[in-house]
Every structure is written in C-alpha cells, then in structure tokens.
Amino acid sequence: MCKHVKLLVWLKGEVKTPPFSKAARIETGTLLRLLQEGETIGLPHSRPMPSIGKRCHELRITDENAIWRVIYRIDNDAILILEVFKKKDRKTPQTVIDRCKSRITTYDEVTK
C-alpha cells in the first residue's frame, strides 16, 4: 500500500550547501521527509511555535559553524516552510515571527 506523502510548500527560504554544510542539509531533508510522511518530531529536533500560529513549529538544526531554524506549519495536505534562518540569539526575532504570520495569512487567503 502506498503511504500518503504531504507536499512541501516553500513560502520562503531554501536549504542548500553552502551555507548549510552537507551534513546539516541532509539532516534537514531527512526531518522534512519524516514530517511529509506524517511522523511527529519532538525535542530536541523540533518544538512548537504557538507565537506564530496553530500547528507551527521550528526544526532545530545544529551545523558546524551555525545553528539553523526552519519554521514550518503542518497542514492536512502539506508542510508549509515559512522561513529558514540562522539563529543568532536565544529568542526568535520578532521580525521572523511577524513575517511568518504574514505568509500564513497570505497563503490561507490564496488557498481558500
């Protein structure tokens, strides 16, 4: 039987080498594939981001010289990639949160 695989919808960002190391790119791809297949990922790889919205989370990728975050939302038919950024501070920047909320609003309006 064929397993239903959700689409990845990239609203912003990309995961490529460079700036990601090859290992970090592969780890990110593996985690995204698990999400596409309906797996639930918890800490330390993913955590909820209710400050952005329902079903929103961040993947936490530790690279050789950087810490990356991939903000995503889990929908019934897709995994929405809202933002990919290099983590510089302990707290997620408010500008990132605001951009993600705006992208969600636009996506939801367009796909109604």
PDB file of N, CA and C in Angstrom:
ATOM      1  N   MET A   1       0.845  -1.175   0.000  1.00  0.00           N
ATOM      2  CA  MET A   1       0.000   0.000   0.000  1.00  0.00           C
ATOM      3  C   MET A   1       0.897   1.247   0.000  1.00  0.00           C
ATOM      4  N   CYS A   2       0.514   2.257  -0.756  1.00  0.00           N
ATOM      5  CA  CYS A   2       1.286   3.484  -0.869  1.00  0.00           C
ATOM      6  C   CYS A   2       0.916   4.441   0.268  1.00  0.00           C
ATOM      7  N   LYS A   3       1.918   4.933   0.923  1.00  0.00           N
ATOM      8  CA  LYS A   3       1.720   5.878   2.017  1.00  0.00           C
ATOM      9  C   LYS A   3       1.496   7.279   1.451  1.00  0.00           C
ATOM     10  N   HIS A   4       0.547   8.023   2.029  1.00  0.00           N
ATOM     11  CA  HIS A   4       0.295   9.405   1.599  1.00  0.00           C
ATOM     12  C   HIS A   4       1.448  10.287   2.065  1.00  0.00           C
ATOM     13  N   VAL A   5       2.051  10.989   1.135  1.00  0.00           N
ATOM     14  CA  VAL A   5       3.159  11.887   1.446  1.00  0.00           C
ATOM     15  C   VAL A   5       2.691  13.315   1.182  1.00  0.00           C
ATOM     16  N   LYS A   6       2.801  14.162   2.210  1.00  0.00           N
ATOM     17  CA  LYS A   6       2.387  15.559   2.074  1.00  0.00           C
ATOM     18  C   LYS A   6       3.381  16.325   1.206  1.00  0.00           C
ATOM     19  N   LEU A   7       2.875  17.302   0.508  1.00  0.00           N
ATOM     20  CA  LEU A   7       3.725  18.185  -0.285  1.00  0.00           C
ATOM     21  C   LEU A   7       4.531  19.089   0.634  1.00  0.00           C
ATOM     22  N   LEU A   8       5.706  19.495   0.184  1.00  0.00           N
ATOM     23  CA  LEU A   8       6.449  20.570   0.838  1.00  0.00           C
ATOM     24  C   LEU A   8       6.142  21.832   0.057  1.00  0.00           C
ATOM     25  N   VAL A   9       5.631  22.845   0.725  1.00  0.00           N
ATOM     26  CA  VAL A   9       5.314  24.118   0.082  1.00  0.00           C
ATOM     27  C   VAL A   9       6.264  25.157   0.656  1.00  0.00           C
ATOM     28  N   TRP A  10       7.208  25.598  -0.168  1.00  0.00           N
ATOM     29  CA  TRP A  10       8.226  26.550   0.272  1.00  0.00           C
ATOM     30  C   TRP A  10       7.703  27.968   0.064  1.00  0.00           C
ATOM     31  N   LEU A  11       7.305  28.617   1.142  1.00  0.00           N
ATOM     32  CA  LEU A  11       6.859  30.008   1.057  1.00  0.00           C
ATOM     33  C   LEU A  11       8.044  30.951   1.164  1.00  0.00           C
ATOM     34  N   LYS A  12       9.128  30.476   1.781  1.00  0.00           N
ATOM     35  CA  LYS A  12      10.337  31.290   1.893  1.00  0.00           C
ATOM     36  C   LYS A  12      11.495  30.406   2.315  1.00  0.00           C
ATOM     37  N   GLY A  13      12.666  30.727   1.823  1.00  0.00           N
ATOM     38  CA  GLY A  13      13.882  30.059   2.256  1.00  0.00           C
ATOM     39  C   GLY A  13      14.254  28.877   1.399  1.00  0.00           C
ATOM     40  N   GLU A  14      15.449  28.386   1.642  1.00  0.00           N
ATOM     41  CA  GLU A  14      15.946  27.204   0.961  1.00  0.00           C
ATOM     42  C   GLU A  14      17.012  26.566   1.835  1.00  0.00           C
ATOM     43  N   VAL A  15      17.270  25.310   1.576  1.00  0.00           N
ATOM     44  CA  VAL A  15      18.282  24.562   2.314  1.00  0.00           C
ATOM     45  C   VAL A  15      19.266  24.048   1.281  1.00  0.00           C
ATOM     46  N   LYS A  16      20.416  24.703   1.187  1.00  0.00           N
ATOM     47  CA  LYS A  16      21.404  24.291   0.203  1.00  0.00           C
ATOM     48  C   LYS A  16      22.807  24.414   0.795  1.00  0.00           C
ATOM     49  N   THR A  17      23.747  23.772   0.150  1.00  0.00           N
ATOM     50  CA  THR A  17      25.142  23.824   0.564  1.00  0.00           C
ATOM     51  C   THR A  17      25.911  24.633  -0.467  1.00  0.00           C
ATOM     52  N   PRO A  18      26.671  25.696  -0.037  1.00  0.00           N
ATOM     53  CA  PRO A  18      26.544  26.406   1.224  1.00  0.00           C
ATOM     54  C   PRO A  18      25.303  27.277   1.241  1.00  0.00           C
ATOM     55  N   PRO A  19      24.906  27.822   2.306  1.00  0.00           N
ATOM     56  CA  PRO A  19      25.568  28.000   3.599  1.00  0.00           C
ATOM     57  C   PRO A  19      25.450  26.796   4.540  1.00  0.00           C
ATOM     58  N   PHE A  20      24.455  25.931   4.360  1.00  0.00           N
ATOM     59  CA  PHE A  20      24.369  24.731   5.192  1.00  0.00           C
ATOM     60  C   PHE A  20      25.530  23.805   4.832  1.00  0.00           C
ATOM     61  N   SER A  21      26.067  23.106   5.823  1.00  0.00           N
ATOM     62  CA  SER A  21      27.028  22.051   5.498  1.00  0.00           C
ATOM     63  C   SER A  21      26.248  20.908   4.853  1.00  0.00           C
ATOM     64  N   LYS A  22      26.949  19.999   4.202  1.00  0.00           N
ATOM     65  CA  LYS A  22      26.279  18.861   3.579  1.00  0.00           C
ATOM     66  C   LYS A  22      25.529  18.042   4.629  1.00  0.00           C
ATOM     67  N   ALA A  23      26.147  17.830   5.793  1.00  0.00           N
ATOM     68  CA  ALA A  23      25.516  17.039   6.858  1.00  0.00           C
ATOM     69  C   ALA A  23      24.239  17.717   7.366  1.00  0.00           C
ATOM     70  N   ALA A  24      24.275  19.041   7.546  1.00  0.00           N
ATOM     71  CA  ALA A  24      23.095  19.766   8.025  1.00  0.00           C
ATOM     72  C   ALA A  24      21.987  19.746   6.981  1.00  0.00           C
ATOM     73  N   ARG A  25      22.354  19.843   5.710  1.00  0.00           N
ATOM     74  CA  ARG A  25      21.359  19.793   4.631  1.00  0.00           C
ATOM     75  C   ARG A  25      20.683  18.422   4.599  1.00  0.00           C
ATOM     76  N   ILE A  26      21.477  17.367   4.751  1.00  0.00           N
ATOM     77  CA  ILE A  26      20.916  16.015   4.758  1.00  0.00           C
ATOM     78  C   ILE A  26      20.025  15.807   5.981  1.00  0.00           C
ATOM     79  N   GLU A  27      20.461  16.296   7.154  1.00  0.00           N
ATOM     80  CA  GLU A  27      19.634  16.167   8.366  1.00  0.00           C
ATOM     81  C   GLU A  27      18.304  16.896   8.191  1.00  0.00           C
ATOM     82  N   THR A  28      18.353  18.093   7.644  1.00  0.00           N
ATOM     83  CA  THR A  28      17.131  18.865   7.420  1.00  0.00           C
ATOM     84  C   THR A  28      16.202  18.123   6.455  1.00  0.00           C
ATOM     85  N   GLY A  29      16.768  17.620   5.365  1.00  0.00           N
ATOM     86  CA  GLY A  29      15.965  16.878   4.405  1.00  0.00           C
ATOM     87  C   GLY A  29      15.337  15.631   5.002  1.00  0.00           C
ATOM     88  N   THR A  30      16.083  14.932   5.842  1.00  0.00           N
ATOM     89  CA  THR A  30      15.564  13.736   6.494  1.00  0.00           C
ATOM     90  C   THR A  30      14.406  14.078   7.425  1.00  0.00           C
ATOM     91  N   LEU A  31      14.559  15.138   8.206  1.00  0.00           N
ATOM     92  CA  LEU A  31      13.489  15.549   9.123  1.00  0.00           C
ATOM     93  C   LEU A  31      12.251  16.017   8.360  1.00  0.00           C
ATOM     94  N   LEU A  32      12.458  16.763   7.279  1.00  0.00           N
ATOM     95  CA  LEU A  32      11.314  17.201   6.471  1.00  0.00           C
ATOM     96  C   LEU A  32      10.601  16.009   5.842  1.00  0.00           C
ATOM     97  N   ARG A  33      11.350  15.001   5.413  1.00  0.00           N
ATOM     98  CA  ARG A  33      10.735  13.803   4.832  1.00  0.00           C
ATOM     99  C   ARG A  33       9.872  13.086   5.865  1.00  0.00           C
ATOM    100  N   LEU A  34      10.365  12.990   7.114  1.00  0.00           N
ATOM    101  CA  LEU A  34       9.567  12.377   8.179  1.00  0.00           C
ATOM    102  C   LEU A  34       8.257  13.127   8.377  1.00  0.00           C
ATOM    103  N   LEU A  35       8.329  14.462   8.366  1.00  0.00           N
ATOM    104  CA  LEU A  35       7.116  15.265   8.505  1.00  0.00           C
ATOM    105  C   LEU A  35       6.167  15.013   7.330  1.00  0.00           C
ATOM    106  N   GLN A  36       6.701  14.928   6.126  1.00  0.00           N
ATOM    107  CA  GLN A  36       5.872  14.665   4.950  1.00  0.00           C
ATOM    108  C   GLN A  36       5.141  13.331   5.064  1.00  0.00           C
ATOM    109  N   GLU A  37       5.773  12.371   5.713  1.00  0.00           N
ATOM    110  CA  GLU A  37       5.188  11.044   5.862  1.00  0.00           C
ATOM    111  C   GLU A  37       4.273  10.936   7.077  1.00  0.00           C
ATOM    112  N   GLY A  38       4.053  12.062   7.771  1.00  0.00           N
ATOM    113  CA  GLY A  38       3.107  12.080   8.875  1.00  0.00           C
ATOM    114  C   GLY A  38       3.693  11.793  10.245  1.00  0.00           C
ATOM    115  N   GLU A  39       5.014  11.682  10.336  1.00  0.00           N
ATOM    116  CA  GLU A  39       5.658  11.441  11.625  1.00  0.00           C
ATOM    117  C   GLU A  39       5.592  12.704  12.486  1.00  0.00           C
ATOM    118  N   THR A  40       5.580  12.504  13.782  1.00  0.00           N
ATOM    119  CA  THR A  40       5.659  13.615  14.729  1.00  0.00           C
ATOM    120  C   THR A  40       7.092  13.700  15.225  1.00  0.00           C
ATOM    121  N   ILE A  41       7.657  14.878  15.164  1.00  0.00           N
ATOM    122  CA  ILE A  41       9.035  15.081  15.620  1.00  0.00           C
ATOM    123  C   ILE A  41       8.999  15.983  16.842  1.00  0.00           C
ATOM    124  N   GLY A  42       9.652  15.575  17.889  1.00  0.00           N
ATOM    125  CA  GLY A  42       9.699  16.365  19.113  1.00  0.00           C
ATOM    126  C   GLY A  42      11.106  16.867  19.400  1.00  0.00           C
ATOM    127  N   LEU A  43      11.284  17.339  20.634  1.00  0.00           N
ATOM    128  CA  LEU A  43      12.600  17.807  21.052  1.00  0.00           C
ATOM    129  C   LEU A  43      13.594  16.669  21.003  1.00  0.00           C
ATOM    130  N   PRO A  44      14.820  16.895  20.689  1.00  0.00           N
ATOM    131  CA  PRO A  44      15.480  18.189  20.500  1.00  0.00           C
ATOM    132  C   PRO A  44      15.413  18.723  19.069  1.00  0.00           C
ATOM    133  N   HIS A  45      14.789  17.988  18.148  1.00  0.00           N
ATOM    134  CA  HIS A  45      14.796  18.396  16.739  1.00  0.00           C
ATOM    135  C   HIS A  45      13.716  19.401  16.363  1.00  0.00           C
ATOM    136  N   SER A  46      12.605  19.395  17.076  1.00  0.00           N
ATOM    137  CA  SER A  46      11.501  20.277  16.724  1.00  0.00           C
ATOM    138  C   SER A  46      10.765  20.706  17.985  1.00  0.00           C
ATOM    139  N   ARG A  47      10.257  21.929  17.934  1.00  0.00           N
ATOM    140  CA  ARG A  47       9.437  22.393  19.056  1.00  0.00           C
ATOM    141  C   ARG A  47       8.303  23.250  18.514  1.00  0.00           C
ATOM    142  N   PRO A  48       7.179  23.266  19.234  1.00  0.00           N
ATOM    143  CA  PRO A  48       6.034  24.082  18.802  1.00  0.00           C
ATOM    144  C   PRO A  48       6.356  25.570  18.854  1.00  0.00           C
ATOM    145  N   MET A  49       5.716  26.322  17.981  1.00  0.00           N
ATOM    146  CA  MET A  49       5.854  27.780  17.931  1.00  0.00           C
ATOM    147  C   MET A  49       4.461  28.417  17.967  1.00  0.00           C
ATOM    148  N   PRO A  50       3.758  28.320  19.112  1.00  0.00           N
ATOM    149  CA  PRO A  50       2.411  28.892  19.192  1.00  0.00           C
ATOM    150  C   PRO A  50       2.398  30.411  19.013  1.00  0.00           C
ATOM    151  N   SER A  51       3.539  31.067  19.213  1.00  0.00           N
ATOM    152  CA  SER A  51       3.595  32.513  18.998  1.00  0.00           C
ATOM    153  C   SER A  51       3.395  32.861  17.524  1.00  0.00           C
ATOM    154  N   ILE A  52       3.593  31.897  16.633  1.00  0.00           N
ATOM    155  CA  ILE A  52       3.372  32.126  15.203  1.00  0.00           C
ATOM    156  C   ILE A  52       1.969  31.701  14.809  1.00  0.00           C
ATOM    157  N   GLY A  53       1.539  30.542  15.291  1.00  0.00           N
ATOM    158  CA  GLY A  53       0.198  30.083  14.961  1.00  0.00           C
ATOM    159  C   GLY A  53       0.002  28.618  15.295  1.00  0.00           C
ATOM    160  N   LYS A  54      -1.239  28.183  15.141  1.00  0.00           N
ATOM    161  CA  LYS A  54      -1.564  26.775  15.371  1.00  0.00           C
ATOM    162  C   LYS A  54      -0.805  25.903  14.374  1.00  0.00           C
ATOM    163  N   ARG A  55      -0.354  24.754  14.826  1.00  0.00           N
ATOM    164  CA  ARG A  55       0.339  23.759  14.006  1.00  0.00           C
ATOM    165  C   ARG A  55       1.685  24.244  13.490  1.00  0.00           C
ATOM    166  N   CYS A  56       2.219  25.343  14.070  1.00  0.00           N
ATOM    167  CA  CYS A  56       3.522  25.874  13.664  1.00  0.00           C
ATOM    168  C   CYS A  56       4.613  25.355  14.598  1.00  0.00           C
ATOM    169  N   HIS A  57       5.755  25.066  14.009  1.00  0.00           N
ATOM    170  CA  HIS A  57       6.885  24.502  14.740  1.00  0.00           C
ATOM    171  C   HIS A  57       8.172  25.040  14.140  1.00  0.00           C
ATOM    172  N   GLU A  58       9.288  24.747  14.828  1.00  0.00           N
ATOM    173  CA  GLU A  58      10.589  25.045  14.243  1.00  0.00           C
ATOM    174  C   GLU A  58      11.468  23.809  14.318  1.00  0.00           C
ATOM    175  N   LEU A  59      12.129  23.516  13.202  1.00  0.00           N
ATOM    176  CA  LEU A  59      13.166  22.499  13.202  1.00  0.00           C
ATOM    177  C   LEU A  59      14.430  23.160  13.708  1.00  0.00           C
ATOM    178  N   ARG A  60      15.172  22.440  14.519  1.00  0.00           N
ATOM    179  CA  ARG A  60      16.403  22.957  15.098  1.00  0.00           C
ATOM    180  C   ARG A  60      17.561  22.140  14.534  1.00  0.00           C
ATOM    181  N   ILE A  61      18.382  22.797  13.728  1.00  0.00           N
ATOM    182  CA  ILE A  61      19.488  22.133  13.053  1.00  0.00           C
ATOM    183  C   ILE A  61      20.800  22.752  13.539  1.00  0.00           C
ATOM    184  N   THR A  62      21.637  21.931  14.166  1.00  0.00           N
ATOM    185  CA  THR A  62      22.948  22.403  14.610  1.00  0.00           C
ATOM    186  C   THR A  62      23.962  22.019  13.548  1.00  0.00           C
ATOM    187  N   ASP A  63      24.598  23.036  12.982  1.00  0.00           N
ATOM    188  CA  ASP A  63      25.568  22.853  11.917  1.00  0.00           C
ATOM    189  C   ASP A  63      26.976  23.038  12.483  1.00  0.00           C
ATOM    190  N   GLU A  64      27.976  22.883  11.640  1.00  0.00           N
ATOM    191  CA  GLU A  64      29.368  23.021  12.073  1.00  0.00           C
ATOM    192  C   GLU A  64      29.638  24.395  12.684  1.00  0.00           C
ATOM    193  N   ASN A  65      29.202  25.448  12.003  1.00  0.00           N
ATOM    194  CA  ASN A  65      29.502  26.811  12.438  1.00  0.00           C
ATOM    195  C   ASN A  65      28.265  27.676  12.625  1.00  0.00           C
ATOM    196  N   ALA A  66      27.107  27.062  12.659  1.00  0.00           N
ATOM    197  CA  ALA A  66      25.872  27.845  12.768  1.00  0.00           C
ATOM    198  C   ALA A  66      24.765  26.978  13.350  1.00  0.00           C
ATOM    199  N   ILE A  67      23.751  27.656  13.838  1.00  0.00           N
ATOM    200  CA  ILE A  67      22.530  26.990  14.278  1.00  0.00           C
ATOM    201  C   ILE A  67      21.418  27.508  13.379  1.00  0.00           C
ATOM    202  N   TRP A  68      20.725  26.597  12.713  1.00  0.00           N
ATOM    203  CA  TRP A  68      19.689  26.946  11.758  1.00  0.00           C
ATOM    204  C   TRP A  68      18.310  26.650  12.323  1.00  0.00           C
ATOM    205  N   ARG A  69      17.332  27.402  11.869  1.00  0.00           N
ATOM    206  CA  ARG A  69      15.940  27.158  12.196  1.00  0.00           C
ATOM    207  C   ARG A  69      15.134  27.126  10.910  1.00  0.00           C
ATOM    208  N   VAL A  70      14.223  26.176  10.837  1.00  0.00           N
ATOM    209  CA  VAL A  70      13.273  26.082   9.731  1.00  0.00           C
ATOM    210  C   VAL A  70      11.894  26.149  10.364  1.00  0.00           C
ATOM    211  N   ILE A  71      11.196  27.239  10.137  1.00  0.00           N
ATOM    212  CA  ILE A  71       9.853  27.417  10.686  1.00  0.00           C
ATOM    213  C   ILE A  71       8.864  26.793   9.704  1.00  0.00           C
ATOM    214  N   TYR A  72       7.973  25.940  10.223  1.00  0.00           N
ATOM    215  CA  TYR A  72       7.024  25.249   9.350  1.00  0.00           C
ATOM    216  C   TYR A  72       5.664  25.116  10.015  1.00  0.00           C
ATOM    217  N   ARG A  73       4.653  24.879   9.174  1.00  0.00           N
ATOM    218  CA  ARG A  73       3.303  24.592   9.652  1.00  0.00           C
ATOM    219  C   ARG A  73       2.844  23.279   9.037  1.00  0.00           C
ATOM    220  N   ILE A  74       2.186  22.469   9.854  1.00  0.00           N
ATOM    221  CA  ILE A  74       1.667  21.188   9.395  1.00  0.00           C
ATOM    222  C   ILE A  74       0.199  21.361   9.018  1.00  0.00           C
ATOM    223  N   ASP A  75      -0.108  21.189   7.743  1.00  0.00           N
ATOM    224  CA  ASP A  75      -1.486  21.199   7.260  1.00  0.00           C
ATOM    225  C   ASP A  75      -1.895  19.769   6.920  1.00  0.00           C
ATOM    226  N   ASN A  76      -3.169  19.558   6.629  1.00  0.00           N
ATOM    227  CA  ASN A  76      -3.646  18.216   6.292  1.00  0.00           C
ATOM    228  C   ASN A  76      -2.984  17.649   5.045  1.00  0.00           C
ATOM    229  N   ASP A  77      -2.687  18.528   4.081  1.00  0.00           N
ATOM    230  CA  ASP A  77      -2.167  18.065   2.803  1.00  0.00           C
ATOM    231  C   ASP A  77      -0.742  18.512   2.495  1.00  0.00           C
ATOM    232  N   ALA A  78      -0.151  19.317   3.390  1.00  0.00           N
ATOM    233  CA  ALA A  78       1.170  19.871   3.075  1.00  0.00           C
ATOM    234  C   ALA A  78       1.925  20.290   4.338  1.00  0.00           C
ATOM    235  N   ILE A  79       3.224  20.409   4.171  1.00  0.00           N
ATOM    236  CA  ILE A  79       4.085  21.019   5.170  1.00  0.00           C
ATOM    237  C   ILE A  79       4.508  22.356   4.571  1.00  0.00           C
ATOM    238  N   LEU A  80       4.110  23.458   5.204  1.00  0.00           N
ATOM    239  CA  LEU A  80       4.453  24.789   4.707  1.00  0.00           C
ATOM    240  C   LEU A  80       5.763  25.241   5.330  1.00  0.00           C
ATOM    241  N   ILE A  81       6.742  25.571   4.511  1.00  0.00           N
ATOM    242  CA  ILE A  81       8.002  26.122   5.003  1.00  0.00           C
ATOM    243  C   ILE A  81       7.836  27.636   4.993  1.00  0.00           C
ATOM    244  N   LEU A  82       7.846  28.214   6.185  1.00  0.00           N
ATOM    245  CA  LEU A  82       7.578  29.642   6.337  1.00  0.00           C
ATOM    246  C   LEU A  82       8.839  30.490   6.356  1.00  0.00           C
ATOM    247  N   GLU A  83       9.941  29.931   6.870  1.00  0.00           N
ATOM    248  CA  GLU A  83      11.183  30.707   6.994  1.00  0.00           C
ATOM    249  C   GLU A  83      12.335  29.769   7.303  1.00  0.00           C
ATOM    250  N   VAL A  84      13.496  30.088   6.775  1.00  0.00           N
ATOM    251  CA  VAL A  84      14.743  29.406   7.097  1.00  0.00           C
ATOM    252  C   VAL A  84      15.724  30.505   7.481  1.00  0.00           C
ATOM    253  N   PHE A  85      16.311  30.393   8.669  1.00  0.00           N
ATOM    254  CA  PHE A  85      17.241  31.442   9.091  1.00  0.00           C
ATOM    255  C   PHE A  85      18.297  30.905  10.047  1.00  0.00           C
ATOM    256  N   LYS A  86      19.393  31.657  10.116  1.00  0.00           N
ATOM    257  CA  LYS A  86      20.479  31.327  11.030  1.00  0.00           C
ATOM    258  C   LYS A  86      20.147  31.930  12.391  1.00  0.00           C
ATOM    259  N   LYS A  87      20.144  31.100  13.394  1.00  0.00           N
ATOM    260  CA  LYS A  87      19.806  31.542  14.757  1.00  0.00           C
ATOM    261  C   LYS A  87      21.018  32.250  15.341  1.00  0.00           C
ATOM    262  N   LYS A  88      20.814  33.486  15.797  1.00  0.00           N
ATOM    263  CA  LYS A  88      21.909  34.273  16.361  1.00  0.00           C
ATOM    264  C   LYS A  88      21.696  34.573  17.833  1.00  0.00           C
ATOM    265  N   ASP A  89      20.435  34.609  18.245  1.00  0.00           N
ATOM    266  CA  ASP A  89      20.104  34.928  19.628  1.00  0.00           C
ATOM    267  C   ASP A  89      19.266  33.810  20.215  1.00  0.00           C
ATOM    268  N   ARG A  90      19.106  33.858  21.514  1.00  0.00           N
ATOM    269  CA  ARG A  90      18.313  32.839  22.200  1.00  0.00           C
ATOM    270  C   ARG A  90      16.842  32.894  21.795  1.00  0.00           C
ATOM    271  N   LYS A  91      16.336  34.100  21.615  1.00  0.00           N
ATOM    272  CA  LYS A  91      14.927  34.306  21.294  1.00  0.00           C
ATOM    273  C   LYS A  91      14.745  34.470  19.783  1.00  0.00           C
ATOM    274  N   THR A  92      13.654  33.921  19.256  1.00  0.00           N
ATOM    275  CA  THR A  92      13.337  34.108  17.841  1.00  0.00           C
ATOM    276  C   THR A  92      13.010  35.578  17.608  1.00  0.00           C
ATOM    277  N   PRO A  93      13.674  36.218  16.641  1.00  0.00           N
ATOM    278  CA  PRO A  93      13.417  37.634  16.387  1.00  0.00           C
ATOM    279  C   PRO A  93      11.948  37.905  16.046  1.00  0.00           C
ATOM    280  N   GLN A  94      11.424  38.998  16.561  1.00  0.00           N
ATOM    281  CA  GLN A  94      10.030  39.363  16.304  1.00  0.00           C
ATOM    282  C   GLN A  94       9.782  39.567  14.816  1.00  0.00           C
ATOM    283  N   THR A  95      10.784  40.043  14.088  1.00  0.00           N
ATOM    284  CA  THR A  95      10.609  40.231  12.643  1.00  0.00           C
ATOM    285  C   THR A  95      10.353  38.898  11.948  1.00  0.00           C
ATOM    286  N   VAL A  96      11.004  37.829  12.405  1.00  0.00           N
ATOM    287  CA  VAL A  96      10.782  36.493  11.828  1.00  0.00           C
ATOM    288  C   VAL A  96       9.361  36.030  12.142  1.00  0.00           C
ATOM    289  N   ILE A  97       8.937  36.213  13.373  1.00  0.00           N
ATOM    290  CA  ILE A  97       7.575  35.825  13.779  1.00  0.00           C
ATOM    291  C   ILE A  97       6.539  36.570  12.947  1.00  0.00           C
ATOM    292  N   ASP A  98       6.731  37.875  12.796  1.00  0.00           N
ATOM    293  CA  ASP A  98       5.783  38.687  12.020  1.00  0.00           C
ATOM    294  C   ASP A  98       5.738  38.270  10.548  1.00  0.00           C
ATOM    295  N   ARG A  99       6.909  38.002   9.951  1.00  0.00           N
ATOM    296  CA  ARG A  99       6.937  37.565   8.543  1.00  0.00           C
ATOM    297  C   ARG A  99       6.222  36.228   8.378  1.00  0.00           C
ATOM    298  N   CYS A 100       6.429  35.313   9.304  1.00  0.00           N
ATOM    299  CA  CYS A 100       5.774  34.007   9.228  1.00  0.00           C
ATOM    300  C   CYS A 100       4.261  34.148   9.330  1.00  0.00           C
ATOM    301  N   LYS A 101       3.792  34.962  10.252  1.00  0.00           N
ATOM    302  CA  LYS A 101       2.348  35.199  10.388  1.00  0.00           C
ATOM    303  C   LYS A 101       1.774  35.784   9.102  1.00  0.00           C
ATOM    304  N   SER A 102       2.497  36.721   8.513  1.00  0.00           N
ATOM    305  CA  SER A 102       2.041  37.348   7.272  1.00  0.00           C
ATOM    306  C   SER A 102       1.979  36.329   6.138  1.00  0.00           C
ATOM    307  N   ARG A 103       2.965  35.460   6.042  1.00  0.00           N
ATOM    308  CA  ARG A 103       2.972  34.434   4.996  1.00  0.00           C
ATOM    309  C   ARG A 103       1.817  33.453   5.176  1.00  0.00           C
ATOM    310  N   ILE A 104       1.517  33.106   6.424  1.00  0.00           N
ATOM    311  CA  ILE A 104       0.384  32.209   6.706  1.00  0.00           C
ATOM    312  C   ILE A 104      -0.917  32.857   6.258  1.00  0.00           C
ATOM    313  N   THR A 105      -1.099  34.120   6.616  1.00  0.00           N
ATOM    314  CA  THR A 105      -2.315  34.837   6.248  1.00  0.00           C
ATOM    315  C   THR A 105      -2.479  34.874   4.732  1.00  0.00           C
ATOM    316  N   THR A 106      -1.423  35.219   4.027  1.00  0.00           N
ATOM    317  CA  THR A 106      -1.473  35.290   2.564  1.00  0.00           C
ATOM    318  C   THR A 106      -1.772  33.917   1.974  1.00  0.00           C
ATOM    319  N   TYR A 107      -1.074  32.881   2.460  1.00  0.00           N
ATOM    320  CA  TYR A 107      -1.289  31.524   1.938  1.00  0.00           C
ATOM    321  C   TYR A 107      -2.735  31.090   2.164  1.00  0.00           C
ATOM    322  N   ASP A 108      -3.236  31.308   3.370  1.00  0.00           N
ATOM    323  CA  ASP A 108      -4.618  30.895   3.678  1.00  0.00           C
ATOM    324  C   ASP A 108      -5.637  31.639   2.826  1.00  0.00           C
ATOM    325  N   GLU A 109      -5.396  32.915   2.544  1.00  0.00           N
ATOM    326  CA  GLU A 109      -6.314  33.688   1.698  1.00  0.00           C
ATOM    327  C   GLU A 109      -6.305  33.162   0.265  1.00  0.00           C
ATOM    328  N   VAL A 110      -5.130  32.856  -0.235  1.00  0.00           N
ATOM    329  CA  VAL A 110      -4.977  32.414  -1.625  1.00  0.00           C
ATOM    330  C   VAL A 110      -5.534  31.001  -1.823  1.00  0.00           C
ATOM    331  N   THR A 111      -5.438  30.153  -0.806  1.00  0.00           N
ATOM    332  CA  THR A 111      -5.832  28.751  -0.963  1.00  0.00           C
ATOM    333  C   THR A 111      -7.243  28.442  -0.456  1.00  0.00           C
ATOM    334  N   LYS A 112      -8.011  29.475  -0.122  1.00  0.00           N
ATOM    335  CA  LYS A 112      -9.389  29.248   0.358  1.00  0.00           C
ATOM    336  C   LYS A 112     -10.220  28.570  -0.683  1.00  0.00           C
TER     337      LYS A 112
END
